[in-house]
C-alpha cells in the first residue's frame, strides 16, 4: 500500500504499481497518518477500526496492513470496485 499523507481529503486513490494508493488528510507525524489509514480502510471494508492494523512501514509511505474479519478476496472486491 502506498500512503500519501497531507492530502486534501481521505480517499482510496486507486492502484499505484502493485499496491493500493491511499491519500489521507492527516500529517505524517506521531502516527496520525497511520491512524487515518486504519480508520479509512475500516470504513471502506465495513469492519471495526480495531480490525485494521498497520503492521509494517510505520514511518514509510509503503505500508503493509492486516485486516481481520474479512476474506482477502472480499476485501479486494470491495476496494477495487
N, C-alpha and C. Protein backbone atom coordinates (compact mmCIF):
# COMPACT_ATOMS: atom_id res chain seq x y z
N UNK A 1 0.84 -1.16 0.00
CA UNK A 1 0.00 0.00 0.00
C UNK A 1 0.90 1.23 0.00
N UNK A 2 0.54 2.20 -0.82
CA UNK A 2 1.26 3.48 -0.89
C UNK A 2 0.37 4.52 -0.24
N UNK A 3 0.89 5.21 0.78
CA UNK A 3 0.11 6.20 1.52
C UNK A 3 0.68 7.60 1.26
N UNK A 4 -0.22 8.53 0.96
CA UNK A 4 0.14 9.93 0.76
C UNK A 4 -0.53 10.75 1.86
N UNK A 5 0.25 11.15 2.89
CA UNK A 5 -0.33 11.97 3.95
C UNK A 5 -0.42 13.44 3.54
N UNK A 6 -1.22 14.21 4.25
CA UNK A 6 -1.33 15.64 3.99
C UNK A 6 -2.14 15.97 2.75
N UNK A 7 -2.98 15.04 2.30
CA UNK A 7 -3.83 15.28 1.13
C UNK A 7 -5.02 16.17 1.53
N UNK A 8 -5.78 16.59 0.55
CA UNK A 8 -6.92 17.45 0.84
C UNK A 8 -8.07 16.70 1.51
N UNK A 9 -8.12 15.36 1.31
CA UNK A 9 -9.18 14.55 1.93
C UNK A 9 -8.72 13.10 2.00
N UNK A 10 -9.42 12.32 2.80
CA UNK A 10 -9.14 10.89 2.90
C UNK A 10 -9.85 10.18 1.77
N UNK A 11 -9.09 9.35 1.03
CA UNK A 11 -9.73 8.61 -0.06
C UNK A 11 -8.82 7.50 -0.57
N UNK A 12 -9.44 6.52 -1.19
CA UNK A 12 -8.72 5.49 -1.91
C UNK A 12 -8.50 6.06 -3.31
N UNK A 13 -7.24 6.26 -3.69
CA UNK A 13 -6.93 6.96 -4.94
C UNK A 13 -6.69 6.01 -6.10
N UNK A 14 -6.79 4.71 -5.88
CA UNK A 14 -6.63 3.77 -6.97
C UNK A 14 -5.46 2.83 -6.74
N UNK A 15 -4.85 2.41 -7.85
CA UNK A 15 -3.74 1.47 -7.79
C UNK A 15 -2.47 2.18 -8.22
N UNK A 16 -1.39 1.93 -7.49
CA UNK A 16 -0.08 2.52 -7.78
C UNK A 16 0.89 1.35 -7.94
N UNK A 17 1.19 0.98 -9.18
CA UNK A 17 2.03 -0.19 -9.42
C UNK A 17 1.32 -1.45 -8.96
N UNK A 18 1.89 -2.14 -7.98
CA UNK A 18 1.28 -3.36 -7.45
C UNK A 18 0.60 -3.13 -6.11
N UNK A 19 0.34 -1.88 -5.76
CA UNK A 19 -0.22 -1.56 -4.45
C UNK A 19 -1.39 -0.59 -4.56
N UNK A 20 -2.23 -0.59 -3.53
CA UNK A 20 -3.29 0.42 -3.45
C UNK A 20 -2.66 1.75 -3.07
N UNK A 21 -3.22 2.83 -3.58
CA UNK A 21 -2.77 4.17 -3.20
C UNK A 21 -3.87 4.81 -2.37
N UNK A 22 -3.50 5.23 -1.16
CA UNK A 22 -4.45 5.86 -0.25
C UNK A 22 -3.93 7.24 0.10
N UNK A 23 -4.82 8.22 0.05
CA UNK A 23 -4.49 9.58 0.44
C UNK A 23 -5.26 9.90 1.72
N UNK A 24 -4.54 10.48 2.69
CA UNK A 24 -5.18 10.88 3.94
C UNK A 24 -4.82 12.33 4.26
N UNK A 25 -5.73 13.02 4.89
CA UNK A 25 -5.51 14.43 5.22
C UNK A 25 -4.57 14.60 6.42
N UNK A 26 -4.46 13.59 7.25
CA UNK A 26 -3.63 13.68 8.45
C UNK A 26 -2.15 13.85 8.08
N UNK A 27 -1.42 14.59 8.92
CA UNK A 27 0.01 14.78 8.67
C UNK A 27 0.80 13.53 9.06
N UNK A 28 1.99 13.37 8.50
CA UNK A 28 2.81 12.20 8.81
C UNK A 28 3.62 12.38 10.09
N UNK A 29 2.94 12.61 11.17
CA UNK A 29 3.64 12.83 12.45
C UNK A 29 2.92 12.11 13.58
N UNK A 30 3.70 11.52 14.47
CA UNK A 30 3.19 10.84 15.66
C UNK A 30 2.06 9.84 15.38
N UNK A 31 2.14 9.16 14.24
CA UNK A 31 1.18 8.11 13.94
C UNK A 31 -0.18 8.57 13.45
N UNK A 32 -0.33 9.87 13.21
CA UNK A 32 -1.64 10.39 12.79
C UNK A 32 -2.05 9.85 11.42
N UNK A 33 -1.13 9.80 10.48
CA UNK A 33 -1.46 9.29 9.14
C UNK A 33 -1.78 7.79 9.20
N UNK A 34 -1.04 7.04 9.99
CA UNK A 34 -1.32 5.61 10.13
C UNK A 34 -2.71 5.38 10.71
N UNK A 35 -3.07 6.15 11.71
CA UNK A 35 -4.40 6.03 12.31
C UNK A 35 -5.49 6.38 11.29
N UNK A 36 -5.23 7.37 10.46
CA UNK A 36 -6.19 7.76 9.42
C UNK A 36 -6.34 6.65 8.38
N UNK A 37 -5.24 6.01 8.03
CA UNK A 37 -5.29 4.89 7.08
C UNK A 37 -6.12 3.75 7.66
N UNK A 38 -5.88 3.42 8.92
CA UNK A 38 -6.65 2.35 9.57
C UNK A 38 -8.13 2.69 9.61
N UNK A 39 -8.47 3.92 9.95
CA UNK A 39 -9.88 4.33 10.01
C UNK A 39 -10.54 4.29 8.64
N UNK A 40 -9.83 4.77 7.62
CA UNK A 40 -10.39 4.78 6.26
C UNK A 40 -10.62 3.36 5.76
N UNK A 41 -9.64 2.48 5.94
CA UNK A 41 -9.81 1.10 5.49
C UNK A 41 -10.94 0.39 6.25
N UNK A 42 -11.05 0.64 7.55
CA UNK A 42 -12.13 0.05 8.33
C UNK A 42 -13.49 0.50 7.78
N UNK A 43 -13.61 1.78 7.48
CA UNK A 43 -14.86 2.31 6.92
C UNK A 43 -15.17 1.68 5.57
N UNK A 44 -14.17 1.66 4.68
CA UNK A 44 -14.39 1.12 3.33
C UNK A 44 -14.73 -0.36 3.34
N UNK A 45 -14.14 -1.11 4.28
CA UNK A 45 -14.37 -2.55 4.34
C UNK A 45 -15.52 -2.95 5.24
N UNK A 46 -16.05 -1.99 6.00
CA UNK A 46 -17.18 -2.28 6.88
C UNK A 46 -16.81 -3.14 8.08
N UNK A 47 -15.61 -2.93 8.60
CA UNK A 47 -15.16 -3.67 9.78
C UNK A 47 -14.85 -2.67 10.89
N UNK A 48 -14.81 -3.11 12.14
CA UNK A 48 -14.43 -2.21 13.23
C UNK A 48 -12.98 -1.73 13.06
N UNK A 49 -12.70 -0.55 13.51
CA UNK A 49 -11.36 0.02 13.37
C UNK A 49 -10.30 -0.86 14.05
N UNK A 50 -10.68 -1.55 15.11
CA UNK A 50 -9.72 -2.42 15.80
C UNK A 50 -9.32 -3.63 14.95
N UNK A 51 -10.04 -3.87 13.85
CA UNK A 51 -9.73 -4.98 12.96
C UNK A 51 -8.67 -4.63 11.92
N UNK A 52 -8.25 -3.38 11.87
CA UNK A 52 -7.28 -2.92 10.88
C UNK A 52 -6.03 -2.44 11.60
N UNK A 53 -4.87 -2.91 11.14
CA UNK A 53 -3.62 -2.54 11.81
C UNK A 53 -2.48 -2.41 10.79
N UNK A 54 -1.77 -1.30 10.85
CA UNK A 54 -0.54 -1.15 10.07
C UNK A 54 0.51 -2.01 10.77
N UNK A 55 1.04 -3.02 10.06
CA UNK A 55 2.00 -3.93 10.69
C UNK A 55 3.43 -3.69 10.24
N UNK A 56 3.62 -3.02 9.12
CA UNK A 56 4.97 -2.73 8.66
C UNK A 56 4.95 -1.42 7.89
N UNK A 57 6.02 -0.64 8.04
CA UNK A 57 6.13 0.62 7.32
C UNK A 57 5.55 1.80 8.08
N UNK A 58 5.61 1.76 9.40
CA UNK A 58 5.02 2.83 10.21
C UNK A 58 5.55 4.22 9.86
N UNK A 59 6.79 4.33 9.46
CA UNK A 59 7.35 5.64 9.13
C UNK A 59 7.70 5.75 7.65
N UNK A 60 7.10 4.90 6.85
CA UNK A 60 7.37 4.86 5.41
C UNK A 60 6.06 5.05 4.64
N UNK A 61 6.14 5.58 3.42
CA UNK A 61 4.92 5.68 2.62
C UNK A 61 4.40 4.31 2.14
N UNK A 62 5.28 3.31 2.09
CA UNK A 62 4.88 1.95 1.71
C UNK A 62 4.55 1.18 2.98
N UNK A 63 3.32 0.71 3.09
CA UNK A 63 2.87 0.06 4.31
C UNK A 63 2.26 -1.31 4.02
N UNK A 64 2.32 -2.16 5.00
CA UNK A 64 1.61 -3.44 4.97
C UNK A 64 0.58 -3.37 6.09
N UNK A 65 -0.66 -3.69 5.73
CA UNK A 65 -1.78 -3.57 6.67
C UNK A 65 -2.44 -4.93 6.83
N UNK A 66 -2.77 -5.27 8.07
CA UNK A 66 -3.50 -6.50 8.37
C UNK A 66 -4.95 -6.13 8.66
N UNK A 67 -5.87 -6.87 8.03
CA UNK A 67 -7.30 -6.65 8.27
C UNK A 67 -7.90 -7.97 8.72
N UNK A 68 -8.54 -7.97 9.86
CA UNK A 68 -9.21 -9.16 10.40
C UNK A 68 -10.70 -9.05 10.15
N UNK A 69 -11.34 -10.20 9.97
CA UNK A 69 -12.79 -10.21 9.86
C UNK A 69 -13.33 -10.10 8.45
N UNK A 70 -12.44 -10.13 7.46
CA UNK A 70 -12.89 -10.09 6.07
C UNK A 70 -11.90 -10.89 5.23
N UNK A 71 -12.41 -11.71 4.33
CA UNK A 71 -11.55 -12.52 3.48
C UNK A 71 -10.80 -11.63 2.48
N UNK A 72 -9.62 -12.07 2.10
CA UNK A 72 -8.78 -11.30 1.18
C UNK A 72 -9.53 -11.01 -0.13
N UNK A 73 -10.23 -11.99 -0.65
CA UNK A 73 -10.96 -11.81 -1.91
C UNK A 73 -12.09 -10.80 -1.75
N UNK A 74 -12.77 -10.85 -0.62
CA UNK A 74 -13.86 -9.90 -0.36
C UNK A 74 -13.32 -8.49 -0.19
N UNK A 75 -12.19 -8.37 0.50
CA UNK A 75 -11.57 -7.05 0.69
C UNK A 75 -11.14 -6.47 -0.66
N UNK A 76 -10.52 -7.30 -1.48
CA UNK A 76 -10.10 -6.85 -2.81
C UNK A 76 -11.30 -6.40 -3.63
N UNK A 77 -12.36 -7.16 -3.58
CA UNK A 77 -13.56 -6.82 -4.35
C UNK A 77 -14.16 -5.49 -3.89
N UNK A 78 -14.19 -5.24 -2.57
CA UNK A 78 -14.75 -4.00 -2.05
C UNK A 78 -13.88 -2.80 -2.39
N UNK A 79 -12.56 -2.96 -2.32
CA UNK A 79 -11.66 -1.84 -2.53
C UNK A 79 -11.43 -1.53 -4.00
N UNK A 80 -11.56 -2.52 -4.86
CA UNK A 80 -11.25 -2.31 -6.28
C UNK A 80 -12.47 -2.19 -7.18
N UNK A 81 -13.63 -1.97 -6.60
CA UNK A 81 -14.83 -1.85 -7.45
C UNK A 81 -14.89 -0.54 -8.14
